[in-house]
Amino acid sequence: MTHRLLPWTTPEGNPCYLSTDGGPDSLMSRVADDIEDAQLASGTQVLAGARAVLADQKAGERAVRFALTRAAESLEDVLRVAVSRAGRG
C-alpha cells in the first residue's frame, strides 16, 4: 500500500495522506489532482500580480505585504504539489 501526499493540510497544519489502494483513478485521487491543478494555476496568477506590484514604484507597503503574503502561500502550495508528484513519479 502506498500513500499519496494530498495538496491540503489538517487544521493544525499537518500533512494529509491518501491510501492509494484505489489507484490513481479513484475519486479522491481525481479530487486531489483537480485541487493541485487549481493551486498551480493560482500560483501563476499570484506570481503575475506580485510582479506587477514590484514593478509599480508607487506601490505602498500594504500592497507589497499583501503580494508577498499571497506569494508565500502559493509557494507553499506549489512545493507541496511538487513533493507529492515526486513521490508518485
N, C-alpha and C. Protein backbone atom coordinates (compact mmCIF):
# COMPACT_ATOMS: atom_id res chain seq x y z
N MET A 1 0.85 -1.17 0.00
CA MET A 1 0.00 0.00 0.00
C MET A 1 0.90 1.24 0.00
N THR A 2 0.60 2.19 -0.86
CA THR A 2 1.34 3.44 -0.88
C THR A 2 0.44 4.56 -0.40
N HIS A 3 1.07 5.64 0.00
CA HIS A 3 0.32 6.80 0.48
C HIS A 3 0.69 8.01 -0.36
N ARG A 4 -0.31 8.72 -0.78
CA ARG A 4 -0.12 9.94 -1.59
C ARG A 4 -0.28 11.16 -0.69
N LEU A 5 0.69 12.07 -0.78
CA LEU A 5 0.58 13.34 -0.08
C LEU A 5 -0.48 14.17 -0.77
N LEU A 6 -1.46 14.64 -0.01
CA LEU A 6 -2.55 15.42 -0.58
C LEU A 6 -2.20 16.91 -0.59
N PRO A 7 -2.84 17.68 -1.47
CA PRO A 7 -2.50 19.10 -1.61
C PRO A 7 -3.17 20.00 -0.57
N TRP A 8 -3.48 19.48 0.59
CA TRP A 8 -4.03 20.28 1.67
C TRP A 8 -3.50 19.73 2.98
N THR A 9 -3.70 20.47 4.05
CA THR A 9 -3.23 20.05 5.36
C THR A 9 -4.41 19.96 6.32
N THR A 10 -4.14 19.39 7.48
CA THR A 10 -5.14 19.36 8.53
C THR A 10 -5.30 20.77 9.10
N PRO A 11 -6.35 21.00 9.89
CA PRO A 11 -6.50 22.33 10.52
C PRO A 11 -5.28 22.73 11.36
N GLU A 12 -4.53 21.73 11.84
CA GLU A 12 -3.34 22.00 12.65
C GLU A 12 -2.10 22.23 11.78
N GLY A 13 -2.25 22.09 10.45
CA GLY A 13 -1.13 22.31 9.54
C GLY A 13 -0.32 21.07 9.22
N ASN A 14 -0.80 19.91 9.66
CA ASN A 14 -0.10 18.66 9.38
C ASN A 14 -0.45 18.14 7.99
N PRO A 15 0.46 17.38 7.38
CA PRO A 15 0.17 16.84 6.05
C PRO A 15 -0.96 15.81 6.10
N CYS A 16 -1.67 15.69 4.99
CA CYS A 16 -2.72 14.68 4.83
C CYS A 16 -2.26 13.70 3.76
N TYR A 17 -2.57 12.44 3.97
CA TYR A 17 -2.20 11.40 3.02
C TYR A 17 -3.42 10.59 2.63
N LEU A 18 -3.36 10.04 1.42
CA LEU A 18 -4.41 9.19 0.90
C LEU A 18 -3.82 7.82 0.62
N SER A 19 -4.45 6.78 1.14
CA SER A 19 -4.05 5.43 0.77
C SER A 19 -4.50 5.22 -0.67
N THR A 20 -3.56 4.89 -1.54
CA THR A 20 -3.86 4.82 -2.97
C THR A 20 -4.17 3.42 -3.45
N ASP A 21 -4.72 2.60 -2.57
CA ASP A 21 -5.11 1.25 -3.00
C ASP A 21 -6.13 1.30 -4.12
N GLY A 22 -6.92 2.38 -4.18
CA GLY A 22 -7.92 2.52 -5.24
C GLY A 22 -7.32 2.94 -6.56
N GLY A 23 -6.04 3.23 -6.57
CA GLY A 23 -5.37 3.60 -7.80
C GLY A 23 -5.49 5.08 -8.10
N PRO A 24 -4.80 5.53 -9.14
CA PRO A 24 -4.80 6.96 -9.47
C PRO A 24 -6.12 7.46 -10.03
N ASP A 25 -7.03 6.56 -10.36
CA ASP A 25 -8.32 6.98 -10.90
C ASP A 25 -9.44 6.96 -9.87
N SER A 26 -9.07 6.77 -8.59
CA SER A 26 -10.10 6.81 -7.56
C SER A 26 -10.65 8.22 -7.43
N LEU A 27 -11.84 8.34 -6.87
CA LEU A 27 -12.49 9.65 -6.73
C LEU A 27 -11.60 10.62 -5.97
N MET A 28 -11.03 10.21 -4.85
CA MET A 28 -10.21 11.12 -4.06
C MET A 28 -8.93 11.51 -4.80
N SER A 29 -8.35 10.60 -5.55
CA SER A 29 -7.16 10.93 -6.34
C SER A 29 -7.49 11.98 -7.39
N ARG A 30 -8.65 11.84 -8.01
CA ARG A 30 -9.06 12.82 -9.03
C ARG A 30 -9.35 14.17 -8.39
N VAL A 31 -9.97 14.18 -7.21
CA VAL A 31 -10.21 15.43 -6.49
C VAL A 31 -8.87 16.09 -6.16
N ALA A 32 -7.93 15.31 -5.66
CA ALA A 32 -6.61 15.85 -5.33
C ALA A 32 -5.91 16.39 -6.57
N ASP A 33 -6.02 15.67 -7.70
CA ASP A 33 -5.44 16.16 -8.96
C ASP A 33 -6.04 17.50 -9.36
N ASP A 34 -7.35 17.63 -9.24
CA ASP A 34 -8.03 18.88 -9.60
C ASP A 34 -7.58 20.03 -8.70
N ILE A 35 -7.44 19.75 -7.41
CA ILE A 35 -7.00 20.80 -6.48
C ILE A 35 -5.56 21.19 -6.77
N GLU A 36 -4.70 20.21 -7.06
CA GLU A 36 -3.32 20.53 -7.43
C GLU A 36 -3.29 21.44 -8.66
N ASP A 37 -4.08 21.10 -9.66
CA ASP A 37 -4.12 21.92 -10.88
C ASP A 37 -4.58 23.34 -10.56
N ALA A 38 -5.58 23.47 -9.69
CA ALA A 38 -6.07 24.79 -9.31
C ALA A 38 -5.01 25.56 -8.53
N GLN A 39 -4.28 24.88 -7.67
CA GLN A 39 -3.23 25.55 -6.90
C GLN A 39 -2.11 26.05 -7.82
N LEU A 40 -1.75 25.25 -8.81
CA LEU A 40 -0.71 25.66 -9.75
C LEU A 40 -1.18 26.86 -10.58
N ALA A 41 -2.42 26.83 -11.02
CA ALA A 41 -2.96 27.96 -11.79
C ALA A 41 -3.02 29.21 -10.93
N SER A 42 -3.42 29.07 -9.69
CA SER A 42 -3.46 30.21 -8.77
C SER A 42 -2.06 30.77 -8.56
N GLY A 43 -1.07 29.89 -8.45
CA GLY A 43 0.31 30.33 -8.28
C GLY A 43 0.76 31.18 -9.46
N THR A 44 0.36 30.82 -10.66
CA THR A 44 0.70 31.60 -11.85
C THR A 44 0.08 32.99 -11.76
N GLN A 45 -1.16 33.07 -11.33
CA GLN A 45 -1.84 34.36 -11.20
C GLN A 45 -1.21 35.21 -10.10
N VAL A 46 -0.89 34.57 -8.98
CA VAL A 46 -0.28 35.30 -7.87
C VAL A 46 1.09 35.84 -8.28
N LEU A 47 1.86 35.04 -9.01
CA LEU A 47 3.16 35.50 -9.48
C LEU A 47 3.04 36.73 -10.38
N ALA A 48 2.08 36.70 -11.29
CA ALA A 48 1.85 37.85 -12.16
C ALA A 48 1.47 39.09 -11.35
N GLY A 49 0.61 38.91 -10.37
CA GLY A 49 0.22 40.03 -9.51
C GLY A 49 1.38 40.57 -8.69
N ALA A 50 2.19 39.68 -8.15
CA ALA A 50 3.35 40.10 -7.36
C ALA A 50 4.34 40.87 -8.22
N ARG A 51 4.56 40.39 -9.42
CA ARG A 51 5.47 41.11 -10.33
C ARG A 51 4.95 42.50 -10.65
N ALA A 52 3.64 42.61 -10.84
CA ALA A 52 3.05 43.92 -11.13
C ALA A 52 3.23 44.87 -9.95
N VAL A 53 3.03 44.37 -8.74
CA VAL A 53 3.21 45.21 -7.56
C VAL A 53 4.67 45.64 -7.43
N LEU A 54 5.58 44.72 -7.64
CA LEU A 54 7.01 45.04 -7.53
C LEU A 54 7.46 46.03 -8.60
N ALA A 55 6.82 45.99 -9.75
CA ALA A 55 7.19 46.92 -10.83
C ALA A 55 6.60 48.31 -10.62
N ASP A 56 5.62 48.42 -9.75
CA ASP A 56 4.94 49.70 -9.50
C ASP A 56 5.72 50.49 -8.45
N GLN A 57 6.41 51.52 -8.88
CA GLN A 57 7.22 52.33 -7.96
C GLN A 57 6.37 53.01 -6.88
N LYS A 58 5.07 53.15 -7.14
CA LYS A 58 4.18 53.82 -6.20
C LYS A 58 3.47 52.85 -5.26
N ALA A 59 3.74 51.56 -5.41
CA ALA A 59 3.08 50.57 -4.55
C ALA A 59 3.49 50.81 -3.10
N GLY A 60 2.52 50.86 -2.25
CA GLY A 60 2.79 51.08 -0.83
C GLY A 60 3.12 49.79 -0.09
N GLU A 61 3.46 49.98 1.15
CA GLU A 61 3.83 48.83 1.99
C GLU A 61 2.69 47.81 2.07
N ARG A 62 1.48 48.28 2.18
CA ARG A 62 0.33 47.37 2.30
C ARG A 62 0.21 46.47 1.06
N ALA A 63 0.37 47.05 -0.13
CA ALA A 63 0.28 46.28 -1.38
C ALA A 63 1.43 45.28 -1.47
N VAL A 64 2.62 45.70 -1.09
CA VAL A 64 3.78 44.80 -1.15
C VAL A 64 3.62 43.66 -0.15
N ARG A 65 3.17 43.98 1.05
CA ARG A 65 2.97 42.93 2.06
C ARG A 65 1.90 41.94 1.62
N PHE A 66 0.82 42.44 1.02
CA PHE A 66 -0.24 41.56 0.53
C PHE A 66 0.31 40.65 -0.56
N ALA A 67 1.04 41.22 -1.50
CA ALA A 67 1.60 40.43 -2.60
C ALA A 67 2.56 39.37 -2.06
N LEU A 68 3.39 39.74 -1.10
CA LEU A 68 4.35 38.79 -0.53
C LEU A 68 3.63 37.69 0.25
N THR A 69 2.60 38.05 0.98
CA THR A 69 1.83 37.05 1.73
C THR A 69 1.21 36.03 0.79
N ARG A 70 0.57 36.53 -0.28
CA ARG A 70 -0.05 35.62 -1.25
C ARG A 70 1.01 34.78 -1.95
N ALA A 71 2.16 35.37 -2.27
CA ALA A 71 3.24 34.63 -2.93
C ALA A 71 3.75 33.51 -2.02
N ALA A 72 3.89 33.79 -0.74
CA ALA A 72 4.35 32.78 0.21
C ALA A 72 3.33 31.64 0.32
N GLU A 73 2.05 31.98 0.36
CA GLU A 73 1.00 30.96 0.42
C GLU A 73 1.04 30.08 -0.84
N SER A 74 1.18 30.72 -1.98
CA SER A 74 1.22 29.97 -3.24
C SER A 74 2.46 29.10 -3.33
N LEU A 75 3.60 29.63 -2.88
CA LEU A 75 4.83 28.84 -2.91
C LEU A 75 4.68 27.59 -2.04
N GLU A 76 4.06 27.74 -0.89
CA GLU A 76 3.82 26.58 -0.01
C GLU A 76 2.98 25.53 -0.73
N ASP A 77 1.92 25.97 -1.41
CA ASP A 77 1.07 25.04 -2.16
C ASP A 77 1.84 24.35 -3.28
N VAL A 78 2.60 25.13 -4.04
CA VAL A 78 3.34 24.58 -5.18
C VAL A 78 4.41 23.59 -4.71
N LEU A 79 5.08 23.90 -3.61
CA LEU A 79 6.07 22.96 -3.08
C LEU A 79 5.42 21.66 -2.62
N ARG A 80 4.24 21.75 -2.01
CA ARG A 80 3.53 20.55 -1.58
C ARG A 80 3.15 19.70 -2.80
N VAL A 81 2.70 20.35 -3.87
CA VAL A 81 2.37 19.64 -5.11
C VAL A 81 3.62 18.96 -5.66
N ALA A 82 4.74 19.68 -5.68
CA ALA A 82 5.99 19.11 -6.21
C ALA A 82 6.43 17.89 -5.41
N VAL A 83 6.36 17.98 -4.09
CA VAL A 83 6.76 16.84 -3.24
C VAL A 83 5.82 15.67 -3.49
N SER A 84 4.52 15.95 -3.59
CA SER A 84 3.55 14.89 -3.83
C SER A 84 3.81 14.20 -5.16
N ARG A 85 4.03 14.99 -6.20
CA ARG A 85 4.25 14.41 -7.53
C ARG A 85 5.57 13.66 -7.59
N ALA A 86 6.59 14.15 -6.90
CA ALA A 86 7.87 13.45 -6.89
C ALA A 86 7.72 12.08 -6.21
N GLY A 87 6.88 12.04 -5.19
CA GLY A 87 6.64 10.78 -4.50
C GLY A 87 5.88 9.76 -5.32
N ARG A 88 5.17 10.24 -6.34
CA ARG A 88 4.40 9.33 -7.20
C ARG A 88 5.16 8.98 -8.46
N GLY A 89 6.24 9.73 -8.74
CA GLY A 89 6.93 9.61 -10.01
C GLY A 89 7.83 8.46 -10.13
